[in-house]
Amino acid sequence: MRVNNIIRLACIVAGFAALTACSRSTEAPPSSPPAPASATQPVQSPAAARAASPALTPDQIARLVRPHSPVLGVATARVTVVEVLDPACEACRAFAPVVKQLLFLHPDDVRVVVRYANFHPPSEEAIRLLVAASQQGKFDDVLSALFERQEEWASHTGPDSERAWKIAAEVGINLARARKDARAASVENLLSLESKDLAALKVERTPTFFVNGKLLEDFGPQQLLNMVASEVGKR
């Protein structure tokens, strides 16, 4: 089972060679799918990934994780990967299997903390939905469903936020409760805080990753895997 997952991960990484992140101004999907990686493409070493990541200021570090932030994996894990994602972002959807593989490869050592970016027209409603789903213990299920069926509700030509709610209902959340929770004042405060934190952290694209307080500057799945492995290896 573990070998099969590692092989699957290698295939995922190979398909990401030309993938680019979604910027705050992105409004259209790439004109063509990412090309497969060359067999001779150099792979960045864990040491190089570590050296490329500048230190954050104390204020920025304090803004990385908030009490309301969803956590995937063991809450007390010693390696914290903060992922800034936009549920309507195609690159975030593409990275979802890599994030899950990180948790599979390091089940006791890595946790993933999610922060929200509202960079696309239907994103705010989807974030409200995810916050409400989290209160019902359904965050991971709903996020996975929104990514899997992203083209149904986050189309660049005709976004349909209401469709996102229907998808969540199929996952099993209490829709009436979720709609009410999504409009609470606490969610308004959360959205405001997310925006302020992302501005302070200078996040302009999604997904953006921080590993134990260090920014992953060299964008790519292999670079993320290397950086996490380097942090896990520190004892």
C-alpha atoms as a PDB file:
ATOM      1  CA  MET A   1       0.000   0.000   0.000  1.00  0.00           C
ATOM      2  CA  ARG A   2       2.746   2.458   0.931  1.00  0.00           C
ATOM      3  CA  VAL A   3       4.703   1.643  -2.255  1.00  0.00           C
ATOM      4  CA  ASN A   4       1.606   2.223  -4.369  1.00  0.00           C
ATOM      5  CA  ASN A   5       1.049   5.614  -2.762  1.00  0.00           C
ATOM      6  CA  ILE A   6       4.669   6.624  -3.332  1.00  0.00           C
ATOM      7  CA  ILE A   7       4.383   5.646  -7.001  1.00  0.00           C
ATOM      8  CA  ARG A   8       1.155   7.639  -7.251  1.00  0.00           C
ATOM      9  CA  LEU A   9       2.860  10.641  -5.679  1.00  0.00           C
ATOM     10  CA  ALA A  10       5.700  10.432  -8.216  1.00  0.00           C
ATOM     11  CA  CYS A  11       3.149  10.536 -11.027  1.00  0.00           C
ATOM     12  CA  ILE A  12       1.442  13.564  -9.464  1.00  0.00           C
ATOM     13  CA  VAL A  13       4.738  15.429  -9.141  1.00  0.00           C
ATOM     14  CA  ALA A  14       5.674  14.647 -12.741  1.00  0.00           C
ATOM     15  CA  GLY A  15       2.495  16.284 -13.986  1.00  0.00           C
ATOM     16  CA  PHE A  16       3.131  19.567 -12.181  1.00  0.00           C
ATOM     17  CA  ALA A  17       6.201  20.773 -14.055  1.00  0.00           C
ATOM     18  CA  ALA A  18       4.543  23.767 -15.715  1.00  0.00           C
ATOM     19  CA  LEU A  19       1.794  24.422 -13.173  1.00  0.00           C
ATOM     20  CA  THR A  20       1.545  28.029 -12.041  1.00  0.00           C
ATOM     21  CA  ALA A  21      -0.165  29.431  -8.980  1.00  0.00           C
ATOM     22  CA  CYS A  22      -3.323  31.555  -9.150  1.00  0.00           C
ATOM     23  CA  SER A  23      -2.558  35.207  -8.603  1.00  0.00           C
ATOM     24  CA  ARG A  24      -4.914  37.748  -7.070  1.00  0.00           C
ATOM     25  CA  SER A  25      -5.687  39.006 -10.577  1.00  0.00           C
ATOM     26  CA  THR A  26      -6.162  35.618 -12.249  1.00  0.00           C
ATOM     27  CA  GLU A  27      -9.502  35.487 -14.067  1.00  0.00           C
ATOM     28  CA  ALA A  28      -9.027  32.819 -16.721  1.00  0.00           C
ATOM     29  CA  PRO A  29      -7.688  29.262 -16.707  1.00  0.00           C
ATOM     30  CA  PRO A  30      -4.438  28.390 -18.488  1.00  0.00           C
ATOM     31  CA  SER A  31      -4.831  28.115 -22.254  1.00  0.00           C
ATOM     32  CA  SER A  32      -3.301  24.627 -22.217  1.00  0.00           C
ATOM     33  CA  PRO A  33      -2.700  21.951 -19.554  1.00  0.00           C
ATOM     34  CA  PRO A  34       0.707  21.734 -17.894  1.00  0.00           C
ATOM     35  CA  ALA A  35       3.283  19.764 -19.830  1.00  0.00           C
ATOM     36  CA  PRO A  36       4.727  16.618 -18.201  1.00  0.00           C
ATOM     37  CA  ALA A  37       8.085  16.931 -16.514  1.00  0.00           C
ATOM     38  CA  SER A  38      11.206  16.048 -18.439  1.00  0.00           C
ATOM     39  CA  ALA A  39      12.988  12.931 -17.271  1.00  0.00           C
ATOM     40  CA  THR A  40      16.142  15.016 -16.904  1.00  0.00           C
ATOM     41  CA  GLN A  41      14.554  17.868 -14.976  1.00  0.00           C
ATOM     42  CA  PRO A  42      16.705  18.689 -11.933  1.00  0.00           C
ATOM     43  CA  VAL A  43      15.134  18.176  -8.524  1.00  0.00           C
ATOM     44  CA  GLN A  44      15.871  20.683  -5.805  1.00  0.00           C
ATOM     45  CA  SER A  45      17.536  19.190  -2.752  1.00  0.00           C
ATOM     46  CA  PRO A  46      16.079  19.659   0.740  1.00  0.00           C
ATOM     47  CA  ALA A  47      19.079  21.831   1.653  1.00  0.00           C
ATOM     48  CA  ALA A  48      18.483  24.095  -1.340  1.00  0.00           C
ATOM     49  CA  ALA A  49      14.780  24.386  -0.498  1.00  0.00           C
ATOM     50  CA  ARG A  50      15.674  25.378   3.053  1.00  0.00           C
ATOM     51  CA  ALA A  51      18.226  27.969   1.968  1.00  0.00           C
ATOM     52  CA  ALA A  52      15.743  29.592  -0.443  1.00  0.00           C
ATOM     53  CA  SER A  53      13.245  30.377   2.300  1.00  0.00           C
ATOM     54  CA  PRO A  54      13.717  33.725   4.060  1.00  0.00           C
ATOM     55  CA  ALA A  55      12.822  34.193   7.703  1.00  0.00           C
ATOM     56  CA  LEU A  56       9.548  35.887   8.576  1.00  0.00           C
ATOM     57  CA  THR A  57       9.318  38.719  11.060  1.00  0.00           C
ATOM     58  CA  PRO A  58       7.934  37.972  14.543  1.00  0.00           C
ATOM     59  CA  ASP A  59       4.709  39.771  13.601  1.00  0.00           C
ATOM     60  CA  GLN A  60       4.319  37.661  10.471  1.00  0.00           C
ATOM     61  CA  ILE A  61       4.973  34.438  12.375  1.00  0.00           C
ATOM     62  CA  ALA A  62       2.293  35.399  14.873  1.00  0.00           C
ATOM     63  CA  ARG A  63      -0.164  35.791  11.987  1.00  0.00           C
ATOM     64  CA  LEU A  64       0.461  32.369  10.407  1.00  0.00           C
ATOM     65  CA  VAL A  65      -1.931  30.325  12.561  1.00  0.00           C
ATOM     66  CA  ARG A  66      -5.156  31.533  14.154  1.00  0.00           C
ATOM     67  CA  PRO A  67      -7.436  29.665  16.579  1.00  0.00           C
ATOM     68  CA  HIS A  68     -10.102  29.388  13.893  1.00  0.00           C
ATOM     69  CA  SER A  69      -7.738  27.872  11.298  1.00  0.00           C
ATOM     70  CA  PRO A  70      -8.693  24.317  10.217  1.00  0.00           C
ATOM     71  CA  VAL A  71      -6.010  21.719  10.970  1.00  0.00           C
ATOM     72  CA  LEU A  72      -5.465  18.523   8.989  1.00  0.00           C
ATOM     73  CA  GLY A  73      -3.368  15.813  10.587  1.00  0.00           C
ATOM     74  CA  VAL A  74      -2.099  15.507  14.153  1.00  0.00           C
ATOM     75  CA  ALA A  75      -2.719  18.805  15.941  1.00  0.00           C
ATOM     76  CA  THR A  76       0.490  18.479  17.997  1.00  0.00           C
ATOM     77  CA  ALA A  77       2.782  17.573  15.058  1.00  0.00           C
ATOM     78  CA  ARG A  78       6.178  19.282  15.209  1.00  0.00           C
ATOM     79  CA  VAL A  79       6.159  20.324  11.540  1.00  0.00           C
ATOM     80  CA  THR A  80       3.466  22.830  10.604  1.00  0.00           C
ATOM     81  CA  VAL A  81       2.639  23.427   6.961  1.00  0.00           C
ATOM     82  CA  VAL A  82       0.472  26.504   6.527  1.00  0.00           C
ATOM     83  CA  GLU A  83      -1.362  26.467   3.206  1.00  0.00           C
ATOM     84  CA  VAL A  84      -3.045  29.625   1.969  1.00  0.00           C
ATOM     85  CA  LEU A  85      -5.697  28.431  -0.446  1.00  0.00           C
ATOM     86  CA  ASP A  86      -8.589  29.753  -2.450  1.00  0.00           C
ATOM     87  CA  PRO A  87     -11.312  27.110  -2.913  1.00  0.00           C
ATOM     88  CA  ALA A  88     -11.958  28.441  -6.442  1.00  0.00           C
ATOM     89  CA  CYS A  89      -8.262  28.267  -7.417  1.00  0.00           C
ATOM     90  CA  GLU A  90      -7.358  25.603  -9.978  1.00  0.00           C
ATOM     91  CA  ALA A  91      -3.788  25.331  -8.710  1.00  0.00           C
ATOM     92  CA  CYS A  92      -5.045  24.738  -5.158  1.00  0.00           C
ATOM     93  CA  ARG A  93      -7.247  21.939  -6.470  1.00  0.00           C
ATOM     94  CA  ALA A  94      -4.259  20.446  -8.299  1.00  0.00           C
ATOM     95  CA  PHE A  95      -2.140  20.577  -5.136  1.00  0.00           C
ATOM     96  CA  ALA A  96      -4.743  18.843  -2.953  1.00  0.00           C
ATOM     97  CA  PRO A  97      -3.405  15.311  -3.646  1.00  0.00           C
ATOM     98  CA  VAL A  98       0.126  16.464  -2.820  1.00  0.00           C
ATOM     99  CA  VAL A  99      -1.029  17.862   0.522  1.00  0.00           C
ATOM    100  CA  LYS A 100      -2.795  14.591   1.313  1.00  0.00           C
ATOM    101  CA  GLN A 101       0.344  12.663   0.407  1.00  0.00           C
ATOM    102  CA  LEU A 102       2.377  14.834   2.787  1.00  0.00           C
ATOM    103  CA  LEU A 103       0.094  13.732   5.587  1.00  0.00           C
ATOM    104  CA  PHE A 104       0.331  10.111   4.433  1.00  0.00           C
ATOM    105  CA  LEU A 105       4.121  10.130   4.264  1.00  0.00           C
ATOM    106  CA  HIS A 106       4.529  11.879   7.636  1.00  0.00           C
ATOM    107  CA  PRO A 107       1.432  10.901   9.651  1.00  0.00           C
ATOM    108  CA  ASP A 108       2.953  11.639  13.069  1.00  0.00           C
ATOM    109  CA  ASP A 109       5.171  14.587  12.204  1.00  0.00           C
ATOM    110  CA  VAL A 110       3.204  16.929   9.927  1.00  0.00           C
ATOM    111  CA  ARG A 111       0.050  18.954  10.304  1.00  0.00           C
ATOM    112  CA  VAL A 112      -1.467  21.229   7.647  1.00  0.00           C
ATOM    113  CA  VAL A 113      -3.093  24.475   8.755  1.00  0.00           C
ATOM    114  CA  VAL A 114      -5.409  26.101   6.219  1.00  0.00           C
ATOM    115  CA  ARG A 115      -5.768  29.845   5.692  1.00  0.00           C
ATOM    116  CA  TYR A 116      -8.312  31.313   3.291  1.00  0.00           C
ATOM    117  CA  ALA A 117      -7.709  33.621   0.331  1.00  0.00           C
ATOM    118  CA  ASN A 118     -10.581  35.344  -1.451  1.00  0.00           C
ATOM    119  CA  PHE A 119      -9.058  35.952  -4.881  1.00  0.00           C
ATOM    120  CA  HIS A 120     -11.916  34.852  -7.192  1.00  0.00           C
ATOM    121  CA  PRO A 121     -15.555  36.019  -7.541  1.00  0.00           C
ATOM    122  CA  PRO A 122     -17.222  32.934  -5.955  1.00  0.00           C
ATOM    123  CA  SER A 123     -14.558  32.417  -3.294  1.00  0.00           C
ATOM    124  CA  GLU A 124     -16.079  34.365  -0.405  1.00  0.00           C
ATOM    125  CA  GLU A 125     -19.270  32.312  -0.395  1.00  0.00           C
ATOM    126  CA  ALA A 126     -17.241  29.091  -0.597  1.00  0.00           C
ATOM    127  CA  ILE A 127     -15.099  30.213   2.340  1.00  0.00           C
ATOM    128  CA  ARG A 128     -18.221  30.962   4.375  1.00  0.00           C
ATOM    129  CA  LEU A 129     -19.429  27.474   3.512  1.00  0.00           C
ATOM    130  CA  LEU A 130     -16.129  25.905   4.594  1.00  0.00           C
ATOM    131  CA  VAL A 131     -16.190  27.774   7.905  1.00  0.00           C
ATOM    132  CA  ALA A 132     -19.715  26.496   8.554  1.00  0.00           C
ATOM    133  CA  ALA A 133     -18.717  22.978   7.485  1.00  0.00           C
ATOM    134  CA  SER A 134     -15.793  23.085   9.905  1.00  0.00           C
ATOM    135  CA  GLN A 135     -18.212  23.732  12.764  1.00  0.00           C
ATOM    136  CA  GLN A 136     -19.921  20.454  11.846  1.00  0.00           C
ATOM    137  CA  GLY A 137     -16.661  18.503  11.572  1.00  0.00           C
ATOM    138  CA  LYS A 138     -17.020  18.358   7.782  1.00  0.00           C
ATOM    139  CA  PHE A 139     -14.266  20.715   6.630  1.00  0.00           C
ATOM    140  CA  ASP A 140     -12.082  18.149   4.880  1.00  0.00           C
ATOM    141  CA  ASP A 141     -15.062  16.417   3.254  1.00  0.00           C
ATOM    142  CA  VAL A 142     -16.528  19.644   1.903  1.00  0.00           C
ATOM    143  CA  LEU A 143     -13.196  21.045   0.725  1.00  0.00           C
ATOM    144  CA  SER A 144     -12.441  17.799  -1.122  1.00  0.00           C
ATOM    145  CA  ALA A 145     -15.874  17.874  -2.773  1.00  0.00           C
ATOM    146  CA  LEU A 146     -15.521  21.530  -3.788  1.00  0.00           C
ATOM    147  CA  PHE A 147     -12.138  20.814  -5.345  1.00  0.00           C
ATOM    148  CA  GLU A 148     -13.357  17.667  -7.099  1.00  0.00           C
ATOM    149  CA  ARG A 149     -16.357  19.473  -8.617  1.00  0.00           C
ATOM    150  CA  GLN A 150     -14.794  22.916  -8.887  1.00  0.00           C
ATOM    151  CA  GLU A 151     -15.852  23.415 -12.508  1.00  0.00           C
ATOM    152  CA  GLU A 152     -19.522  23.106 -11.463  1.00  0.00           C
ATOM    153  CA  TRP A 153     -19.539  26.103  -9.123  1.00  0.00           C
ATOM    154  CA  ALA A 154     -16.403  28.139  -9.878  1.00  0.00           C
ATOM    155  CA  SER A 155     -16.471  28.360 -13.667  1.00  0.00           C
ATOM    156  CA  HIS A 156     -14.660  31.419 -14.997  1.00  0.00           C
ATOM    157  CA  THR A 157     -17.510  32.047 -17.425  1.00  0.00           C
ATOM    158  CA  GLY A 158     -20.431  31.464 -15.056  1.00  0.00           C
ATOM    159  CA  PRO A 159     -19.638  30.998 -11.364  1.00  0.00           C
ATOM    160  CA  ASP A 160     -22.509  29.573  -9.317  1.00  0.00           C
ATOM    161  CA  SER A 161     -22.005  29.845  -5.554  1.00  0.00           C
ATOM    162  CA  GLU A 162     -25.379  28.248  -4.871  1.00  0.00           C
ATOM    163  CA  ARG A 163     -24.129  25.100  -6.564  1.00  0.00           C
ATOM    164  CA  ALA A 164     -21.356  24.911  -3.954  1.00  0.00           C
ATOM    165  CA  TRP A 165     -23.987  24.705  -1.226  1.00  0.00           C
ATOM    166  CA  LYS A 166     -25.763  21.880  -3.038  1.00  0.00           C
ATOM    167  CA  ILE A 167     -22.480  19.990  -3.323  1.00  0.00           C
ATOM    168  CA  ALA A 168     -21.911  20.420   0.415  1.00  0.00           C
ATOM    169  CA  ALA A 169     -25.398  19.120   1.144  1.00  0.00           C
ATOM    170  CA  GLU A 170     -24.567  15.964  -0.801  1.00  0.00           C
ATOM    171  CA  VAL A 171     -21.528  15.489   1.444  1.00  0.00           C
ATOM    172  CA  GLY A 172     -23.843  15.412   4.446  1.00  0.00           C
ATOM    173  CA  ILE A 173     -23.746  18.772   6.221  1.00  0.00           C
ATOM    174  CA  ASN A 174     -26.829  20.224   7.891  1.00  0.00           C
ATOM    175  CA  LEU A 175     -27.565  22.829   5.249  1.00  0.00           C
ATOM    176  CA  ALA A 176     -29.996  24.969   7.269  1.00  0.00           C
ATOM    177  CA  ARG A 177     -27.568  25.205  10.163  1.00  0.00           C
ATOM    178  CA  ALA A 178     -24.631  25.857   7.842  1.00  0.00           C
ATOM    179  CA  ARG A 179     -26.381  28.724   6.037  1.00  0.00           C
ATOM    180  CA  LYS A 180     -27.123  30.372   9.378  1.00  0.00           C
ATOM    181  CA  ASP A 181     -23.597  29.839  10.712  1.00  0.00           C
ATOM    182  CA  ALA A 182     -22.082  31.239   7.511  1.00  0.00           C
ATOM    183  CA  ARG A 183     -23.745  34.624   8.144  1.00  0.00           C
ATOM    184  CA  ALA A 184     -22.697  34.973  11.778  1.00  0.00           C
ATOM    185  CA  ALA A 185     -20.780  38.050  12.872  1.00  0.00           C
ATOM    186  CA  SER A 186     -17.880  35.804  13.827  1.00  0.00           C
ATOM    187  CA  VAL A 187     -17.493  34.798  10.174  1.00  0.00           C
ATOM    188  CA  GLU A 188     -17.388  38.452   9.123  1.00  0.00           C
ATOM    189  CA  ASN A 189     -14.584  38.988  11.635  1.00  0.00           C
ATOM    190  CA  LEU A 190     -12.812  35.856  10.387  1.00  0.00           C
ATOM    191  CA  LEU A 191     -12.916  37.044   6.770  1.00  0.00           C
ATOM    192  CA  SER A 192     -11.548  40.411   7.793  1.00  0.00           C
ATOM    193  CA  LEU A 193      -8.742  38.849   9.824  1.00  0.00           C
ATOM    194  CA  GLU A 194      -7.808  36.469   7.002  1.00  0.00           C
ATOM    195  CA  SER A 195      -7.518  39.410   4.615  1.00  0.00           C
ATOM    196  CA  LYS A 196      -5.369  41.432   7.021  1.00  0.00           C
ATOM    197  CA  ASP A 197      -3.095  38.486   7.796  1.00  0.00           C
ATOM    198  CA  LEU A 198      -2.573  37.693   4.116  1.00  0.00           C
ATOM    199  CA  ALA A 199      -1.705  41.320   3.435  1.00  0.00           C
ATOM    200  CA  ALA A 200       0.828  41.305   6.280  1.00  0.00           C
ATOM    201  CA  LEU A 201       2.282  38.030   5.014  1.00  0.00           C
ATOM    202  CA  LYS A 202       2.414  39.503   1.474  1.00  0.00           C
ATOM    203  CA  VAL A 203       0.492  36.613  -0.033  1.00  0.00           C
ATOM    204  CA  GLU A 204      -0.415  37.396  -3.636  1.00  0.00           C
ATOM    205  CA  ARG A 205      -0.927  33.919  -5.065  1.00  0.00           C
ATOM    206  CA  THR A 206      -2.487  30.602  -4.164  1.00  0.00           C
ATOM    207  CA  PRO A 207      -1.532  28.156  -3.018  1.00  0.00           C
ATOM    208  CA  THR A 208       1.169  29.707  -0.840  1.00  0.00           C
ATOM    209  CA  PHE A 209       2.970  27.470   1.637  1.00  0.00           C
ATOM    210  CA  PHE A 210       4.892  28.189   4.831  1.00  0.00           C
ATOM    211  CA  VAL A 211       6.770  25.323   6.469  1.00  0.00           C
ATOM    212  CA  ASN A 212       7.635  25.849  10.138  1.00  0.00           C
ATOM    213  CA  GLY A 213       7.504  29.589   9.639  1.00  0.00           C
ATOM    214  CA  LYS A 214       9.493  29.675   6.389  1.00  0.00           C
ATOM    215  CA  LEU A 215       8.039  30.628   3.025  1.00  0.00           C
ATOM    216  CA  LEU A 216       8.271  28.135   0.179  1.00  0.00           C
ATOM    217  CA  GLU A 217       9.544  30.514  -2.482  1.00  0.00           C
ATOM    218  CA  ASP A 218      10.353  28.021  -5.231  1.00  0.00           C
ATOM    219  CA  PHE A 219       6.842  26.978  -6.256  1.00  0.00           C
ATOM    220  CA  GLY A 220       6.260  23.308  -7.006  1.00  0.00           C
ATOM    221  CA  PRO A 221       5.204  20.001  -5.425  1.00  0.00           C
ATOM    222  CA  GLN A 222       8.704  18.538  -5.338  1.00  0.00           C
ATOM    223  CA  GLN A 223      10.033  21.670  -3.676  1.00  0.00           C
ATOM    224  CA  LEU A 224       7.292  21.430  -1.050  1.00  0.00           C
ATOM    225  CA  LEU A 225       8.006  17.755  -0.443  1.00  0.00           C
ATOM    226  CA  ASN A 226      11.716  18.472  -0.093  1.00  0.00           C
ATOM    227  CA  MET A 227      11.205  21.327   2.351  1.00  0.00           C
ATOM    228  CA  VAL A 228       8.841  19.311   4.534  1.00  0.00           C
ATOM    229  CA  ALA A 229      11.204  16.315   4.498  1.00  0.00           C
ATOM    230  CA  SER A 230      14.042  18.588   5.576  1.00  0.00           C
ATOM    231  CA  GLU A 231      12.033  19.871   8.537  1.00  0.00           C
ATOM    232  CA  VAL A 232      10.896  16.383   9.503  1.00  0.00           C
ATOM    233  CA  GLY A 233      14.532  15.244   9.403  1.00  0.00           C
ATOM    234  CA  LYS A 234      15.591  17.788  12.036  1.00  0.00           C
ATOM    235  CA  ARG A 235      15.703  16.079  15.440  1.00  0.00           C
END
